[in-house]
């Protein structure tokens, strides 16, 4: 067993004495304890993996780790912001599509397309779907998007899209069993 170096001893001390404070700092910005803990641990690892580079030799270890944490928090928040912006755009688009479809349905004679009971069952069933399942259902059947495109939009696998579509169709079949 090799003896612990002064560098390792200093790092261990900073890890033990600062970890909780660093986590609280990250949590205060990220609002999620798991994300905060991940950011802090990743920052310690990043420092340790790069400690032998010339720029680290004269650097305050605690200050440098804090800077890594701050930068990683910024990255996480930027990722969240971008995701929310994409979701907001998607929601506005879906609402527009839904409004067009509602308007179209109101403008036609329901007896030619569906009985009022079937339309009510379909609308009520779609309203009961979880948000993500409903959004995937709309992209597939209202926007006619392929499974692969939908999977990319939601950051899930094609199998995940198939699961949500299957879930929607099974519920519609179940609720419309008396009409099919």
N, C-alpha and C. Protein backbone atom coordinates (compact mmCIF):
# COMPACT_ATOMS: atom_id res chain seq x y z
N UNK A 1 0.84 -1.17 0.00
CA UNK A 1 0.00 0.00 0.00
C UNK A 1 0.90 1.24 0.00
N UNK A 2 0.64 2.14 -0.94
CA UNK A 2 1.46 3.34 -1.03
C UNK A 2 0.95 4.38 -0.04
N UNK A 3 1.86 5.15 0.53
CA UNK A 3 1.43 6.17 1.50
C UNK A 3 0.67 7.29 0.79
N UNK A 4 -0.19 7.95 1.54
CA UNK A 4 -0.97 9.06 1.01
C UNK A 4 -0.05 10.27 0.87
N UNK A 5 -0.09 10.90 -0.30
CA UNK A 5 0.74 12.08 -0.54
C UNK A 5 0.09 13.30 0.10
N UNK A 6 0.86 14.37 0.21
CA UNK A 6 0.31 15.62 0.76
C UNK A 6 -0.80 16.14 -0.14
N UNK A 7 -0.62 15.98 -1.45
CA UNK A 7 -1.63 16.42 -2.42
C UNK A 7 -2.94 15.67 -2.20
N UNK A 8 -2.85 14.36 -2.00
CA UNK A 8 -4.05 13.55 -1.74
C UNK A 8 -4.67 13.93 -0.40
N UNK A 9 -3.84 14.17 0.58
CA UNK A 9 -4.32 14.57 1.90
C UNK A 9 -5.06 15.91 1.81
N UNK A 10 -4.48 16.88 1.08
CA UNK A 10 -5.13 18.18 0.90
C UNK A 10 -6.47 18.02 0.19
N UNK A 11 -6.47 17.21 -0.85
CA UNK A 11 -7.71 16.98 -1.61
C UNK A 11 -8.76 16.32 -0.73
N UNK A 12 -8.38 15.30 0.03
CA UNK A 12 -9.33 14.62 0.93
C UNK A 12 -9.90 15.59 1.95
N UNK A 13 -9.05 16.47 2.48
CA UNK A 13 -9.52 17.46 3.45
C UNK A 13 -10.54 18.41 2.80
N UNK A 14 -10.22 18.90 1.63
CA UNK A 14 -11.16 19.79 0.92
C UNK A 14 -12.45 19.05 0.60
N UNK A 15 -12.32 17.81 0.18
CA UNK A 15 -13.52 17.02 -0.13
C UNK A 15 -14.42 16.91 1.09
N UNK A 16 -13.85 16.50 2.21
CA UNK A 16 -14.65 16.31 3.44
C UNK A 16 -15.20 17.63 3.99
N UNK A 17 -14.39 18.66 3.98
CA UNK A 17 -14.80 19.91 4.62
C UNK A 17 -15.70 20.77 3.74
N UNK A 18 -15.64 20.60 2.43
CA UNK A 18 -16.36 21.51 1.52
C UNK A 18 -17.50 20.87 0.76
N UNK A 19 -17.55 19.56 0.73
CA UNK A 19 -18.54 18.87 -0.10
C UNK A 19 -19.97 19.35 0.19
N UNK A 20 -20.37 19.36 1.44
CA UNK A 20 -21.75 19.75 1.78
C UNK A 20 -22.04 21.20 1.41
N UNK A 21 -21.08 22.08 1.64
CA UNK A 21 -21.26 23.48 1.26
C UNK A 21 -21.38 23.64 -0.25
N UNK A 22 -20.55 22.92 -0.97
CA UNK A 22 -20.62 22.96 -2.43
C UNK A 22 -21.98 22.43 -2.91
N UNK A 23 -22.45 21.35 -2.31
CA UNK A 23 -23.74 20.79 -2.70
C UNK A 23 -24.86 21.80 -2.43
N UNK A 24 -24.82 22.44 -1.27
CA UNK A 24 -25.84 23.45 -0.95
C UNK A 24 -25.80 24.60 -1.95
N UNK A 25 -24.59 25.02 -2.32
CA UNK A 25 -24.45 26.08 -3.31
C UNK A 25 -25.09 25.66 -4.63
N UNK A 26 -24.74 24.47 -5.11
CA UNK A 26 -25.30 23.99 -6.38
C UNK A 26 -26.82 23.82 -6.27
N UNK A 27 -27.27 23.29 -5.15
CA UNK A 27 -28.72 23.09 -4.94
C UNK A 27 -29.47 24.42 -4.96
N UNK A 28 -28.87 25.47 -4.41
CA UNK A 28 -29.55 26.76 -4.37
C UNK A 28 -29.85 27.30 -5.77
N UNK A 29 -29.07 26.87 -6.74
CA UNK A 29 -29.31 27.31 -8.12
C UNK A 29 -30.07 26.26 -8.93
N UNK A 30 -29.81 25.00 -8.69
CA UNK A 30 -30.41 23.94 -9.50
C UNK A 30 -31.76 23.48 -8.97
N UNK A 31 -31.97 23.60 -7.65
CA UNK A 31 -33.25 23.23 -7.07
C UNK A 31 -33.54 21.74 -7.07
N UNK A 32 -32.51 20.95 -7.30
CA UNK A 32 -32.67 19.49 -7.32
C UNK A 32 -31.44 18.89 -6.66
N UNK A 33 -31.66 18.18 -5.57
CA UNK A 33 -30.54 17.68 -4.77
C UNK A 33 -29.70 16.68 -5.57
N UNK A 34 -30.34 15.81 -6.33
CA UNK A 34 -29.57 14.83 -7.10
C UNK A 34 -28.68 15.52 -8.12
N UNK A 35 -29.23 16.52 -8.82
CA UNK A 35 -28.42 17.27 -9.79
C UNK A 35 -27.26 17.98 -9.08
N UNK A 36 -27.55 18.57 -7.92
CA UNK A 36 -26.51 19.29 -7.18
C UNK A 36 -25.38 18.34 -6.77
N UNK A 37 -25.75 17.18 -6.23
CA UNK A 37 -24.73 16.20 -5.83
C UNK A 37 -23.93 15.72 -7.04
N UNK A 38 -24.61 15.48 -8.16
CA UNK A 38 -23.91 15.04 -9.37
C UNK A 38 -22.91 16.09 -9.84
N UNK A 39 -23.34 17.34 -9.86
CA UNK A 39 -22.46 18.43 -10.31
C UNK A 39 -21.22 18.51 -9.42
N UNK A 40 -21.41 18.42 -8.12
CA UNK A 40 -20.28 18.53 -7.19
C UNK A 40 -19.32 17.36 -7.38
N UNK A 41 -19.85 16.15 -7.44
CA UNK A 41 -18.99 14.98 -7.61
C UNK A 41 -18.25 15.03 -8.95
N UNK A 42 -18.96 15.42 -10.01
CA UNK A 42 -18.31 15.55 -11.32
C UNK A 42 -17.20 16.60 -11.28
N UNK A 43 -17.41 17.65 -10.52
CA UNK A 43 -16.42 18.72 -10.42
C UNK A 43 -15.17 18.24 -9.68
N UNK A 44 -15.37 17.49 -8.60
CA UNK A 44 -14.22 16.92 -7.89
C UNK A 44 -13.44 15.98 -8.83
N UNK A 45 -14.17 15.17 -9.56
CA UNK A 45 -13.52 14.22 -10.49
C UNK A 45 -12.76 14.99 -11.57
N UNK A 46 -13.41 16.01 -12.14
CA UNK A 46 -12.75 16.80 -13.18
C UNK A 46 -11.47 17.43 -12.65
N UNK A 47 -11.53 17.97 -11.43
CA UNK A 47 -10.31 18.54 -10.86
C UNK A 47 -9.23 17.47 -10.72
N UNK A 48 -9.60 16.33 -10.13
CA UNK A 48 -8.61 15.29 -9.85
C UNK A 48 -7.98 14.75 -11.14
N UNK A 49 -8.79 14.61 -12.18
CA UNK A 49 -8.27 14.09 -13.45
C UNK A 49 -7.32 15.08 -14.12
N UNK A 50 -7.47 16.37 -13.82
CA UNK A 50 -6.66 17.39 -14.49
C UNK A 50 -5.66 18.07 -13.56
N UNK A 51 -5.50 17.57 -12.35
CA UNK A 51 -4.68 18.22 -11.33
C UNK A 51 -3.21 18.36 -11.72
N UNK A 52 -2.73 17.50 -12.59
CA UNK A 52 -1.31 17.53 -12.93
C UNK A 52 -0.99 18.51 -14.06
N UNK A 53 -2.00 19.14 -14.63
CA UNK A 53 -1.74 20.11 -15.69
C UNK A 53 -1.11 21.36 -15.09
N UNK A 54 -0.35 22.05 -15.87
CA UNK A 54 0.42 23.20 -15.41
C UNK A 54 -0.47 24.28 -14.79
N UNK A 55 -1.66 24.50 -15.33
CA UNK A 55 -2.53 25.56 -14.82
C UNK A 55 -3.01 25.29 -13.41
N UNK A 56 -2.99 24.05 -12.97
CA UNK A 56 -3.48 23.70 -11.64
C UNK A 56 -2.42 23.83 -10.55
N UNK A 57 -1.18 23.82 -10.93
CA UNK A 57 -0.12 23.74 -9.94
C UNK A 57 -0.08 24.93 -8.99
N UNK A 58 -0.45 26.11 -9.46
CA UNK A 58 -0.41 27.27 -8.58
C UNK A 58 -1.82 27.74 -8.20
N UNK A 59 -2.80 26.91 -8.45
CA UNK A 59 -4.18 27.29 -8.23
C UNK A 59 -4.67 26.87 -6.85
N UNK A 60 -5.50 27.69 -6.26
CA UNK A 60 -6.19 27.36 -5.02
C UNK A 60 -7.17 26.23 -5.34
N UNK A 61 -6.97 25.07 -4.76
CA UNK A 61 -7.79 23.89 -5.10
C UNK A 61 -9.26 24.16 -4.84
N UNK A 62 -9.58 24.65 -3.67
CA UNK A 62 -10.99 24.88 -3.31
C UNK A 62 -11.62 25.90 -4.27
N UNK A 63 -10.89 26.95 -4.57
CA UNK A 63 -11.40 27.97 -5.50
C UNK A 63 -11.59 27.41 -6.89
N UNK A 64 -10.66 26.56 -7.30
CA UNK A 64 -10.78 25.99 -8.63
C UNK A 64 -11.97 25.04 -8.73
N UNK A 65 -12.16 24.21 -7.72
CA UNK A 65 -13.30 23.29 -7.71
C UNK A 65 -14.60 24.09 -7.68
N UNK A 66 -14.62 25.16 -6.90
CA UNK A 66 -15.81 26.02 -6.86
C UNK A 66 -16.11 26.59 -8.25
N UNK A 67 -15.09 27.00 -8.97
CA UNK A 67 -15.28 27.53 -10.32
C UNK A 67 -15.84 26.46 -11.26
N UNK A 68 -15.33 25.25 -11.13
CA UNK A 68 -15.85 24.14 -11.95
C UNK A 68 -17.33 23.92 -11.63
N UNK A 69 -17.68 23.93 -10.36
CA UNK A 69 -19.08 23.74 -9.93
C UNK A 69 -19.95 24.85 -10.51
N UNK A 70 -19.49 26.08 -10.37
CA UNK A 70 -20.26 27.21 -10.89
C UNK A 70 -20.50 27.06 -12.40
N UNK A 71 -19.45 26.73 -13.14
CA UNK A 71 -19.57 26.58 -14.59
C UNK A 71 -20.49 25.41 -14.95
N UNK A 72 -20.40 24.33 -14.21
CA UNK A 72 -21.27 23.17 -14.48
C UNK A 72 -22.73 23.50 -14.16
N UNK A 73 -22.98 24.28 -13.10
CA UNK A 73 -24.34 24.72 -12.79
C UNK A 73 -24.90 25.57 -13.93
N UNK A 74 -24.05 26.46 -14.46
CA UNK A 74 -24.47 27.28 -15.60
C UNK A 74 -24.84 26.38 -16.77
N UNK A 75 -24.03 25.36 -17.05
CA UNK A 75 -24.31 24.44 -18.14
C UNK A 75 -25.65 23.73 -17.93
N UNK A 76 -25.88 23.23 -16.73
CA UNK A 76 -27.12 22.52 -16.43
C UNK A 76 -28.32 23.45 -16.61
N UNK A 77 -28.21 24.68 -16.09
CA UNK A 77 -29.32 25.64 -16.22
C UNK A 77 -29.56 26.02 -17.68
N UNK A 78 -28.50 26.17 -18.45
CA UNK A 78 -28.65 26.46 -19.88
C UNK A 78 -29.36 25.30 -20.60
N UNK A 79 -28.98 24.07 -20.25
CA UNK A 79 -29.63 22.89 -20.84
C UNK A 79 -31.12 22.88 -20.49
N UNK A 80 -31.44 23.18 -19.24
CA UNK A 80 -32.85 23.22 -18.82
C UNK A 80 -33.61 24.31 -19.57
N UNK A 81 -32.99 25.47 -19.67
CA UNK A 81 -33.64 26.59 -20.36
C UNK A 81 -33.94 26.22 -21.81
N UNK A 82 -32.96 25.64 -22.49
CA UNK A 82 -33.16 25.24 -23.88
C UNK A 82 -34.27 24.20 -24.00
N UNK A 83 -34.29 23.25 -23.09
CA UNK A 83 -35.34 22.23 -23.11
C UNK A 83 -36.71 22.86 -22.89
N UNK A 84 -36.80 23.78 -21.94
CA UNK A 84 -38.08 24.45 -21.69
C UNK A 84 -38.53 25.28 -22.89
N UNK A 85 -37.59 25.93 -23.54
CA UNK A 85 -37.94 26.72 -24.73
C UNK A 85 -38.47 25.80 -25.83
N UNK A 86 -37.81 24.65 -26.02
CA UNK A 86 -38.29 23.71 -27.03
C UNK A 86 -39.66 23.17 -26.67
N UNK A 87 -39.86 22.85 -25.38
CA UNK A 87 -41.16 22.36 -24.94
C UNK A 87 -42.24 23.42 -25.10
N UNK A 88 -41.89 24.69 -24.80
CA UNK A 88 -42.84 25.77 -24.94
C UNK A 88 -43.26 25.93 -26.39
N UNK A 89 -42.28 25.88 -27.31
CA UNK A 89 -42.59 25.97 -28.73
C UNK A 89 -43.48 24.80 -29.16
N UNK A 90 -43.17 23.62 -28.68
CA UNK A 90 -43.95 22.44 -29.00
C UNK A 90 -45.38 22.60 -28.48
N UNK A 91 -45.52 23.06 -27.25
CA UNK A 91 -46.85 23.25 -26.68
C UNK A 91 -47.66 24.28 -27.47
N UNK A 92 -47.04 25.39 -27.83
CA UNK A 92 -47.75 26.41 -28.63
C UNK A 92 -48.19 25.81 -29.97
N UNK A 93 -47.31 25.04 -30.58
CA UNK A 93 -47.64 24.41 -31.85
C UNK A 93 -48.80 23.42 -31.68
N UNK A 94 -48.71 22.60 -30.65
CA UNK A 94 -49.77 21.62 -30.41
C UNK A 94 -51.11 22.28 -30.11
N UNK A 95 -51.08 23.34 -29.33
CA UNK A 95 -52.32 24.06 -29.02
C UNK A 95 -52.92 24.63 -30.30
N UNK A 96 -52.08 25.19 -31.16
CA UNK A 96 -52.56 25.70 -32.44
C UNK A 96 -53.20 24.61 -33.27
N UNK A 97 -52.54 23.46 -33.33
CA UNK A 97 -53.10 22.32 -34.08
C UNK A 97 -54.43 21.86 -33.48
N UNK A 98 -54.47 21.81 -32.15
CA UNK A 98 -55.69 21.38 -31.47
C UNK A 98 -56.83 22.37 -31.76
N UNK A 99 -56.53 23.67 -31.69
CA UNK A 99 -57.55 24.67 -31.97
C UNK A 99 -58.07 24.57 -33.40
N UNK A 100 -57.17 24.32 -34.34
CA UNK A 100 -57.59 24.13 -35.73
C UNK A 100 -58.49 22.91 -35.84
N UNK A 101 -58.09 21.82 -35.20
CA UNK A 101 -58.91 20.61 -35.26
C UNK A 101 -60.26 20.78 -34.58
N UNK A 102 -60.27 21.48 -33.45
CA UNK A 102 -61.54 21.74 -32.77
C UNK A 102 -62.44 22.57 -33.66
N UNK A 103 -61.87 23.60 -34.25
CA UNK A 103 -62.63 24.46 -35.15
C UNK A 103 -63.17 23.66 -36.34
N UNK A 104 -62.33 22.82 -36.89
CA UNK A 104 -62.73 21.98 -38.02
C UNK A 104 -63.86 21.03 -37.62
N UNK A 105 -63.71 20.42 -36.45
CA UNK A 105 -64.75 19.50 -35.97
C UNK A 105 -66.06 20.22 -35.70
N UNK A 106 -65.98 21.42 -35.15
CA UNK A 106 -67.19 22.19 -34.87
C UNK A 106 -67.88 22.63 -36.16
N UNK A 107 -67.08 22.80 -37.21
CA UNK A 107 -67.63 23.25 -38.48
C UNK A 107 -68.27 22.16 -39.32
N UNK A 108 -68.06 20.93 -38.98
CA UNK A 108 -68.63 19.85 -39.78
C UNK A 108 -69.80 19.22 -39.02
N UNK A 109 -70.61 18.47 -39.75
CA UNK A 109 -71.75 17.79 -39.15
C UNK A 109 -71.25 16.53 -38.47
N UNK A 110 -71.28 16.51 -37.12
CA UNK A 110 -70.75 15.37 -36.39
C UNK A 110 -71.40 14.03 -36.75
N UNK A 111 -72.63 14.08 -37.18
CA UNK A 111 -73.29 12.81 -37.50
C UNK A 111 -72.67 12.14 -38.72
N UNK A 112 -72.00 12.95 -39.58
CA UNK A 112 -71.34 12.36 -40.73
C UNK A 112 -70.02 11.69 -40.36
N UNK A 113 -69.36 12.20 -39.34
CA UNK A 113 -68.07 11.66 -38.94
C UNK A 113 -68.20 10.70 -37.76
N UNK A 114 -68.78 11.19 -36.71
CA UNK A 114 -68.93 10.41 -35.49
C UNK A 114 -70.27 10.78 -34.88
N UNK A 115 -70.79 9.90 -34.11
CA UNK A 115 -71.92 10.31 -33.31
C UNK A 115 -71.37 11.19 -32.21
N UNK A 116 -72.19 12.01 -31.65
CA UNK A 116 -71.72 12.91 -30.59
C UNK A 116 -71.17 12.11 -29.41
N UNK A 117 -71.70 10.94 -29.19
CA UNK A 117 -71.19 10.11 -28.09
C UNK A 117 -69.76 9.66 -28.34
N UNK A 118 -69.47 9.22 -29.55
CA UNK A 118 -68.12 8.76 -29.88
C UNK A 118 -67.13 9.92 -29.77
N UNK A 119 -67.51 11.07 -30.29
CA UNK A 119 -66.64 12.25 -30.21
C UNK A 119 -66.34 12.59 -28.76
N UNK A 120 -67.36 12.54 -27.92
CA UNK A 120 -67.17 12.84 -26.51
C UNK A 120 -66.25 11.81 -25.85
N UNK A 121 -66.43 10.54 -26.17
CA UNK A 121 -65.58 9.49 -25.60
C UNK A 121 -64.13 9.69 -26.05
N UNK A 122 -63.93 9.97 -27.32
CA UNK A 122 -62.57 10.17 -27.84
C UNK A 122 -61.92 11.37 -27.15
N UNK A 123 -62.64 12.50 -27.10
CA UNK A 123 -62.07 13.70 -26.46
C UNK A 123 -61.78 13.46 -24.99
N UNK A 124 -62.71 12.84 -24.30
CA UNK A 124 -62.51 12.57 -22.87
C UNK A 124 -61.35 11.62 -22.66
N UNK A 125 -61.23 10.62 -23.52
CA UNK A 125 -60.13 9.65 -23.40
C UNK A 125 -58.79 10.34 -23.62
N UNK A 126 -58.70 11.16 -24.63
CA UNK A 126 -57.46 11.87 -24.93
C UNK A 126 -57.09 12.81 -23.78
N UNK A 127 -58.09 13.45 -23.18
CA UNK A 127 -57.83 14.35 -22.06
C UNK A 127 -57.27 13.60 -20.85
N UNK A 128 -57.62 12.33 -20.70
CA UNK A 128 -57.15 11.57 -19.54
C UNK A 128 -55.74 11.01 -19.71
N UNK A 129 -55.22 11.07 -20.92
CA UNK A 129 -53.86 10.56 -21.15
C UNK A 129 -52.85 11.42 -20.42
N UNK A 130 -51.77 10.82 -19.94
CA UNK A 130 -50.69 11.63 -19.36
C UNK A 130 -50.17 12.61 -20.41
N UNK A 131 -49.66 13.76 -19.97
CA UNK A 131 -49.23 14.82 -20.90
C UNK A 131 -48.32 14.30 -22.01
N UNK A 132 -47.28 13.59 -21.65
CA UNK A 132 -46.31 13.13 -22.66
C UNK A 132 -46.97 12.17 -23.64
N UNK A 133 -47.80 11.27 -23.15
CA UNK A 133 -48.49 10.32 -24.03
C UNK A 133 -49.41 11.08 -24.98
N UNK A 134 -50.14 12.08 -24.45
CA UNK A 134 -51.05 12.87 -25.28
C UNK A 134 -50.26 13.63 -26.36
N UNK A 135 -49.12 14.23 -25.97
CA UNK A 135 -48.32 14.98 -26.93
C UNK A 135 -47.78 14.07 -28.04
N UNK A 136 -47.33 12.90 -27.65
CA UNK A 136 -46.83 11.93 -28.65
C UNK A 136 -47.97 11.49 -29.56
N UNK A 137 -49.15 11.24 -28.98
CA UNK A 137 -50.33 10.86 -29.76
C UNK A 137 -50.65 11.94 -30.79
N UNK A 138 -50.64 13.21 -30.35
CA UNK A 138 -50.94 14.31 -31.27
C UNK A 138 -49.90 14.40 -32.39
N UNK A 139 -48.63 14.26 -32.03
CA UNK A 139 -47.60 14.34 -33.08
C UNK A 139 -47.77 13.22 -34.10
N UNK A 140 -48.13 12.05 -33.64
CA UNK A 140 -48.27 10.92 -34.55
C UNK A 140 -49.52 11.03 -35.41
N UNK A 141 -50.65 11.33 -34.79
CA UNK A 141 -51.91 11.27 -35.53
C UNK A 141 -52.41 12.60 -36.06
N UNK A 142 -52.04 13.69 -35.46
CA UNK A 142 -52.47 14.99 -35.99
C UNK A 142 -51.42 15.56 -36.95
N UNK A 143 -50.16 15.38 -36.60
CA UNK A 143 -49.10 15.92 -37.44
C UNK A 143 -48.51 14.88 -38.38
N UNK A 144 -48.92 13.62 -38.21
CA UNK A 144 -48.48 12.53 -39.08
C UNK A 144 -46.96 12.38 -39.10
N UNK A 145 -46.32 12.60 -37.95
CA UNK A 145 -44.87 12.48 -37.88
C UNK A 145 -44.48 11.02 -37.71
N UNK A 146 -43.34 10.63 -38.29
CA UNK A 146 -42.87 9.25 -38.10
C UNK A 146 -42.36 9.04 -36.68
N UNK A 147 -42.35 7.78 -36.28
CA UNK A 147 -41.92 7.42 -34.92
C UNK A 147 -40.53 7.95 -34.61
N UNK A 148 -39.63 7.85 -35.57
CA UNK A 148 -38.24 8.27 -35.34
C UNK A 148 -38.16 9.77 -35.03
N UNK A 149 -38.90 10.59 -35.76
CA UNK A 149 -38.91 12.03 -35.54
C UNK A 149 -39.47 12.35 -34.16
N UNK A 150 -40.54 11.67 -33.81
CA UNK A 150 -41.15 11.89 -32.49
C UNK A 150 -40.16 11.51 -31.40
N UNK A 151 -39.49 10.38 -31.58
CA UNK A 151 -38.51 9.93 -30.58
C UNK A 151 -37.41 10.98 -30.40
N UNK A 152 -36.93 11.55 -31.49
CA UNK A 152 -35.90 12.58 -31.41
C UNK A 152 -36.42 13.83 -30.71
N UNK A 153 -37.67 14.23 -31.01
CA UNK A 153 -38.26 15.42 -30.39
C UNK A 153 -38.38 15.28 -28.88
N UNK A 154 -38.68 14.08 -28.40
CA UNK A 154 -38.89 13.87 -26.98
C UNK A 154 -37.66 13.30 -26.29
N UNK A 155 -36.62 12.98 -27.04
CA UNK A 155 -35.41 12.44 -26.44
C UNK A 155 -35.62 11.05 -25.86
N UNK A 156 -36.45 10.26 -26.55
CA UNK A 156 -36.70 8.89 -26.10
C UNK A 156 -36.46 7.95 -27.27
N UNK A 157 -36.51 6.66 -27.02
CA UNK A 157 -36.30 5.69 -28.07
C UNK A 157 -37.58 5.51 -28.89
N UNK A 158 -37.44 4.90 -30.06
CA UNK A 158 -38.60 4.58 -30.89
C UNK A 158 -39.51 3.62 -30.13
N UNK A 159 -38.92 2.71 -29.37
CA UNK A 159 -39.72 1.79 -28.54
C UNK A 159 -40.55 2.58 -27.53
N UNK A 160 -39.99 3.65 -27.00
CA UNK A 160 -40.72 4.50 -26.06
C UNK A 160 -41.92 5.15 -26.73
N UNK A 161 -41.74 5.62 -27.98
CA UNK A 161 -42.85 6.20 -28.74
C UNK A 161 -43.91 5.12 -28.98
N UNK A 162 -43.47 3.92 -29.38
CA UNK A 162 -44.41 2.82 -29.60
C UNK A 162 -45.21 2.52 -28.34
N UNK A 163 -44.54 2.57 -27.20
CA UNK A 163 -45.24 2.32 -25.93
C UNK A 163 -46.35 3.34 -25.72
N UNK A 164 -46.03 4.64 -25.91
CA UNK A 164 -47.03 5.69 -25.69
C UNK A 164 -48.19 5.58 -26.69
N UNK A 165 -47.89 5.29 -27.96
CA UNK A 165 -48.93 5.15 -28.97
C UNK A 165 -49.81 3.94 -28.63
N UNK A 166 -49.18 2.83 -28.29
CA UNK A 166 -49.92 1.63 -27.92
C UNK A 166 -50.82 1.89 -26.72
N UNK A 167 -50.30 2.61 -25.74
CA UNK A 167 -51.06 2.95 -24.54
C UNK A 167 -52.30 3.77 -24.93
N UNK A 168 -52.14 4.75 -25.83
CA UNK A 168 -53.24 5.60 -26.27
C UNK A 168 -54.29 4.79 -27.01
N UNK A 169 -53.84 3.99 -27.97
CA UNK A 169 -54.77 3.22 -28.79
C UNK A 169 -55.51 2.17 -27.97
N UNK A 170 -54.81 1.53 -27.05
CA UNK A 170 -55.48 0.53 -26.19
C UNK A 170 -56.57 1.17 -25.36
N UNK A 171 -56.30 2.36 -24.82
CA UNK A 171 -57.30 3.05 -24.02
C UNK A 171 -58.48 3.48 -24.89
N UNK A 172 -58.20 3.97 -26.10
CA UNK A 172 -59.30 4.34 -27.01
C UNK A 172 -60.12 3.11 -27.39
N UNK A 173 -59.47 2.00 -27.70
CA UNK A 173 -60.20 0.77 -28.03
C UNK A 173 -61.08 0.33 -26.86
N UNK A 174 -60.52 0.38 -25.68
CA UNK A 174 -61.26 -0.03 -24.48
C UNK A 174 -62.49 0.86 -24.30
N UNK A 175 -62.30 2.18 -24.42
CA UNK A 175 -63.41 3.11 -24.19
C UNK A 175 -64.44 3.12 -25.33
N UNK A 176 -64.01 2.69 -26.50
CA UNK A 176 -64.92 2.66 -27.66
C UNK A 176 -65.39 1.26 -28.01
N UNK A 177 -65.17 0.30 -27.11
CA UNK A 177 -65.48 -1.10 -27.41
C UNK A 177 -66.93 -1.30 -27.82
N UNK A 178 -67.84 -0.49 -27.31
CA UNK A 178 -69.26 -0.65 -27.65
C UNK A 178 -69.59 -0.10 -29.04
N UNK A 179 -68.68 0.67 -29.64
CA UNK A 179 -68.92 1.28 -30.94
C UNK A 179 -68.11 0.64 -32.06
N UNK A 180 -67.12 -0.16 -31.69
CA UNK A 180 -66.24 -0.74 -32.72
C UNK A 180 -66.76 -2.11 -33.15
